[in-house]
C-alpha atoms as a PDB file:
ATOM      1  CA  MET A   1       8.499   6.546  11.544  1.00  0.00           C
ATOM      2  CA  SER A   2      11.055   4.999   9.219  1.00  0.00           C
ATOM      3  CA  VAL A   3      14.562   6.259   8.820  1.00  0.00           C
ATOM      4  CA  SER A   4      16.238   6.030   5.430  1.00  0.00           C
ATOM      5  CA  PRO A   5      19.300   3.769   5.403  1.00  0.00           C
ATOM      6  CA  PHE A   6      20.946   6.187   2.993  1.00  0.00           C
ATOM      7  CA  LEU A   7      22.824   9.216   4.215  1.00  0.00           C
ATOM      8  CA  HIS A   8      24.149  11.400   1.444  1.00  0.00           C
ATOM      9  CA  ALA A   9      26.264  14.454   1.095  1.00  0.00           C
ATOM     10  CA  GLU A  10      26.745  16.507  -2.024  1.00  0.00           C
ATOM     11  CA  SER A  11      30.295  17.378  -2.900  1.00  0.00           C
ATOM     12  CA  SER A  12      31.142  19.889  -5.577  1.00  0.00           C
ATOM     13  CA  SER A  13      33.766  19.496  -8.232  1.00  0.00           C
ATOM     14  CA  ASP A  14      36.925  21.575  -8.123  1.00  0.00           C
ATOM     15  CA  SER A  15      36.507  22.912 -11.645  1.00  0.00           C
ATOM     16  CA  PRO A  16      33.550  23.688 -13.913  1.00  0.00           C
ATOM     17  CA  SER A  17      34.638  21.012 -16.411  1.00  0.00           C
ATOM     18  CA  THR A  18      34.520  18.232 -13.794  1.00  0.00           C
ATOM     19  CA  GLN A  19      31.168  16.767 -12.818  1.00  0.00           C
ATOM     20  CA  SER A  20      30.091  16.970  -9.199  1.00  0.00           C
ATOM     21  CA  VAL A  21      29.940  13.743  -7.252  1.00  0.00           C
ATOM     22  CA  THR A  22      27.297  12.692  -4.734  1.00  0.00           C
ATOM     23  CA  THR A  23      28.682  10.521  -1.945  1.00  0.00           C
ATOM     24  CA  ILE A  24      26.109   8.242  -0.334  1.00  0.00           C
ATOM     25  CA  ARG A  25      26.789   6.282   2.838  1.00  0.00           C
ATOM     26  CA  VAL A  26      24.767   3.071   2.829  1.00  0.00           C
ATOM     27  CA  GLY A  27      23.645   1.994   6.279  1.00  0.00           C
ATOM     28  CA  CYS A  28      21.770  -1.221   5.552  1.00  0.00           C
ATOM     29  CA  GLU A  29      22.568  -4.755   4.504  1.00  0.00           C
ATOM     30  CA  LEU A  30      22.707  -5.233   0.746  1.00  0.00           C
ATOM     31  CA  ASP A  31      20.638  -8.356   0.357  1.00  0.00           C
ATOM     32  CA  ARG A  32      17.397  -9.678  -1.080  1.00  0.00           C
ATOM     33  CA  SER A  33      15.315  -7.918   1.571  1.00  0.00           C
ATOM     34  CA  SER A  34      16.775  -4.475   0.753  1.00  0.00           C
ATOM     35  CA  GLU A  35      17.390  -4.825  -2.993  1.00  0.00           C
ATOM     36  CA  ALA A  36      14.151  -3.153  -4.119  1.00  0.00           C
ATOM     37  CA  GLU A  37      14.590  -0.199  -1.748  1.00  0.00           C
ATOM     38  CA  VAL A  38      18.249   0.244  -2.722  1.00  0.00           C
ATOM     39  CA  LEU A  39      17.348   0.367  -6.404  1.00  0.00           C
ATOM     40  CA  ARG A  40      14.322   2.620  -5.833  1.00  0.00           C
ATOM     41  CA  GLU A  41      16.466   5.120  -3.899  1.00  0.00           C
ATOM     42  CA  LEU A  42      19.679   4.970  -5.898  1.00  0.00           C
ATOM     43  CA  LEU A  43      18.729   4.421  -9.549  1.00  0.00           C
ATOM     44  CA  PRO A  44      17.498   8.002 -10.003  1.00  0.00           C
ATOM     45  CA  ARG A  45      20.712   9.276  -8.420  1.00  0.00           C
ATOM     46  CA  VAL A  46      23.058   7.330 -10.716  1.00  0.00           C
ATOM     47  CA  GLN A  47      20.977   8.327 -13.729  1.00  0.00           C
ATOM     48  CA  SER A  48      21.320  12.024 -12.895  1.00  0.00           C
ATOM     49  CA  GLY A  49      24.987  12.275 -11.886  1.00  0.00           C
ATOM     50  CA  ALA A  50      28.177  10.739 -10.569  1.00  0.00           C
ATOM     51  CA  VAL A  51      27.782   8.662  -7.405  1.00  0.00           C
ATOM     52  CA  VAL A  52      30.196   7.216  -4.873  1.00  0.00           C
ATOM     53  CA  LEU A  53      28.820   4.661  -2.415  1.00  0.00           C
ATOM     54  CA  ASP A  54      30.465   4.439   0.990  1.00  0.00           C
ATOM     55  CA  LEU A  55      29.934   0.820   2.049  1.00  0.00           C
ATOM     56  CA  SER A  56      31.862   0.983   5.324  1.00  0.00           C
ATOM     57  CA  ARG A  57      28.661   0.317   7.306  1.00  0.00           C
ATOM     58  CA  VAL A  58      27.486  -2.635   5.219  1.00  0.00           C
ATOM     59  CA  ASP A  59      28.113  -5.740   7.318  1.00  0.00           C
ATOM     60  CA  TRP A  60      26.294  -8.189   5.037  1.00  0.00           C
ATOM     61  CA  MET A  61      25.816  -8.539   1.308  1.00  0.00           C
ATOM     62  CA  ASP A  62      24.508 -11.446  -0.738  1.00  0.00           C
ATOM     63  CA  ALA A  63      24.003 -12.151  -4.456  1.00  0.00           C
ATOM     64  CA  ALA A  64      21.048  -9.758  -4.606  1.00  0.00           C
ATOM     65  CA  GLY A  65      23.243  -6.985  -3.223  1.00  0.00           C
ATOM     66  CA  ILE A  66      25.903  -7.727  -5.813  1.00  0.00           C
ATOM     67  CA  ALA A  67      23.233  -7.663  -8.524  1.00  0.00           C
ATOM     68  CA  ALA A  68      22.000  -4.275  -7.253  1.00  0.00           C
ATOM     69  CA  LEU A  69      25.547  -2.855  -7.425  1.00  0.00           C
ATOM     70  CA  ILE A  70      25.939  -4.162 -10.979  1.00  0.00           C
ATOM     71  CA  THR A  71      22.604  -2.601 -11.962  1.00  0.00           C
ATOM     72  CA  LEU A  72      23.626   0.744 -10.465  1.00  0.00           C
ATOM     73  CA  TYR A  73      27.001   0.649 -12.227  1.00  0.00           C
ATOM     74  CA  CYS A  74      25.430  -0.232 -15.588  1.00  0.00           C
ATOM     75  CA  GLN A  75      22.789   2.498 -15.296  1.00  0.00           C
ATOM     76  CA  ALA A  76      25.387   5.102 -14.324  1.00  0.00           C
ATOM     77  CA  THR A  77      27.622   4.266 -17.276  1.00  0.00           C
ATOM     78  CA  GLN A  78      24.640   4.131 -19.642  1.00  0.00           C
ATOM     79  CA  PHE A  79      23.795   7.705 -18.629  1.00  0.00           C
ATOM     80  CA  GLY A  80      27.443   8.784 -18.920  1.00  0.00           C
ATOM     81  CA  HIS A  81      28.104   9.105 -15.188  1.00  0.00           C
ATOM     82  CA  SER A  82      30.750   7.583 -12.974  1.00  0.00           C
ATOM     83  CA  PHE A  83      29.942   5.125 -10.195  1.00  0.00           C
ATOM     84  CA  SER A  84      32.280   3.654  -7.621  1.00  0.00           C
ATOM     85  CA  ILE A  85      32.519   2.240  -4.130  1.00  0.00           C
ATOM     86  CA  ILE A  86      34.714   3.484  -1.319  1.00  0.00           C
ATOM     87  CA  SER A  87      35.535   2.044   2.104  1.00  0.00           C
ATOM     88  CA  PRO A  88      33.912  -1.371   1.660  1.00  0.00           C
ATOM     89  CA  SER A  89      33.599  -3.430   4.830  1.00  0.00           C
ATOM     90  CA  ALA A  90      35.764  -6.554   5.011  1.00  0.00           C
ATOM     91  CA  HIS A  91      32.827  -8.801   4.030  1.00  0.00           C
ATOM     92  CA  VAL A  92      31.859  -6.639   1.055  1.00  0.00           C
ATOM     93  CA  LEU A  93      35.474  -6.386  -0.096  1.00  0.00           C
ATOM     94  CA  GLU A  94      35.881 -10.159   0.095  1.00  0.00           C
ATOM     95  CA  LEU A  95      32.733 -10.812  -1.947  1.00  0.00           C
ATOM     96  CA  LEU A  96      33.606  -8.222  -4.578  1.00  0.00           C
ATOM     97  CA  HIS A  97      37.072  -9.759  -4.867  1.00  0.00           C
ATOM     98  CA  ILE A  98      35.648 -13.290  -5.227  1.00  0.00           C
ATOM     99  CA  VAL A  99      33.337 -12.260  -8.081  1.00  0.00           C
ATOM    100  CA  GLY A 100      35.956 -10.023  -9.719  1.00  0.00           C
ATOM    101  CA  LEU A 101      34.135  -6.723  -9.258  1.00  0.00           C
ATOM    102  CA  ASP A 102      36.656  -5.148  -6.901  1.00  0.00           C
ATOM    103  CA  LYS A 103      38.780  -3.846  -9.779  1.00  0.00           C
ATOM    104  CA  ILE A 104      35.708  -2.416 -11.538  1.00  0.00           C
ATOM    105  CA  LEU A 105      33.730  -0.904  -8.672  1.00  0.00           C
ATOM    106  CA  ILE A 106      36.271   0.111  -6.035  1.00  0.00           C
ATOM    107  CA  GLY A 107      38.338   3.195  -6.585  1.00  0.00           C
ATOM    108  CA  SER A 108      38.234   6.673  -7.977  1.00  0.00           C
ATOM    109  CA  PRO A 109      34.776   7.859  -9.032  1.00  0.00           C
ATOM    110  CA  GLN A 110      36.306   9.356 -12.166  1.00  0.00           C
ATOM    111  CA  ALA A 111      37.633   5.954 -13.277  1.00  0.00           C
ATOM    112  CA  ALA A 112      34.217   4.422 -13.985  1.00  0.00           C
END
């Protein structure tokens, strides 16, 4: 039996004019070995609504993980939805800062 590395919780918006946001806690490494599964699981979610990824449990990320985050962000914005990251682990935060994505991806889900 396999267990999905994605735990998600729906959260409603406070007003009818604000879109609801799905918060997804990622519980796997974001690397070449998980890139296909991450995209398979998360692309439909970012295409259908606003998504916030909680990366507090991601201890390792490589270039493939960064590419997956960029793909998710681009797809979300193409479909008119917000996408952001909250609670990145120290490693993830460092990598996002090095490549200049921290200011784009980390923050309020409404800012995307």
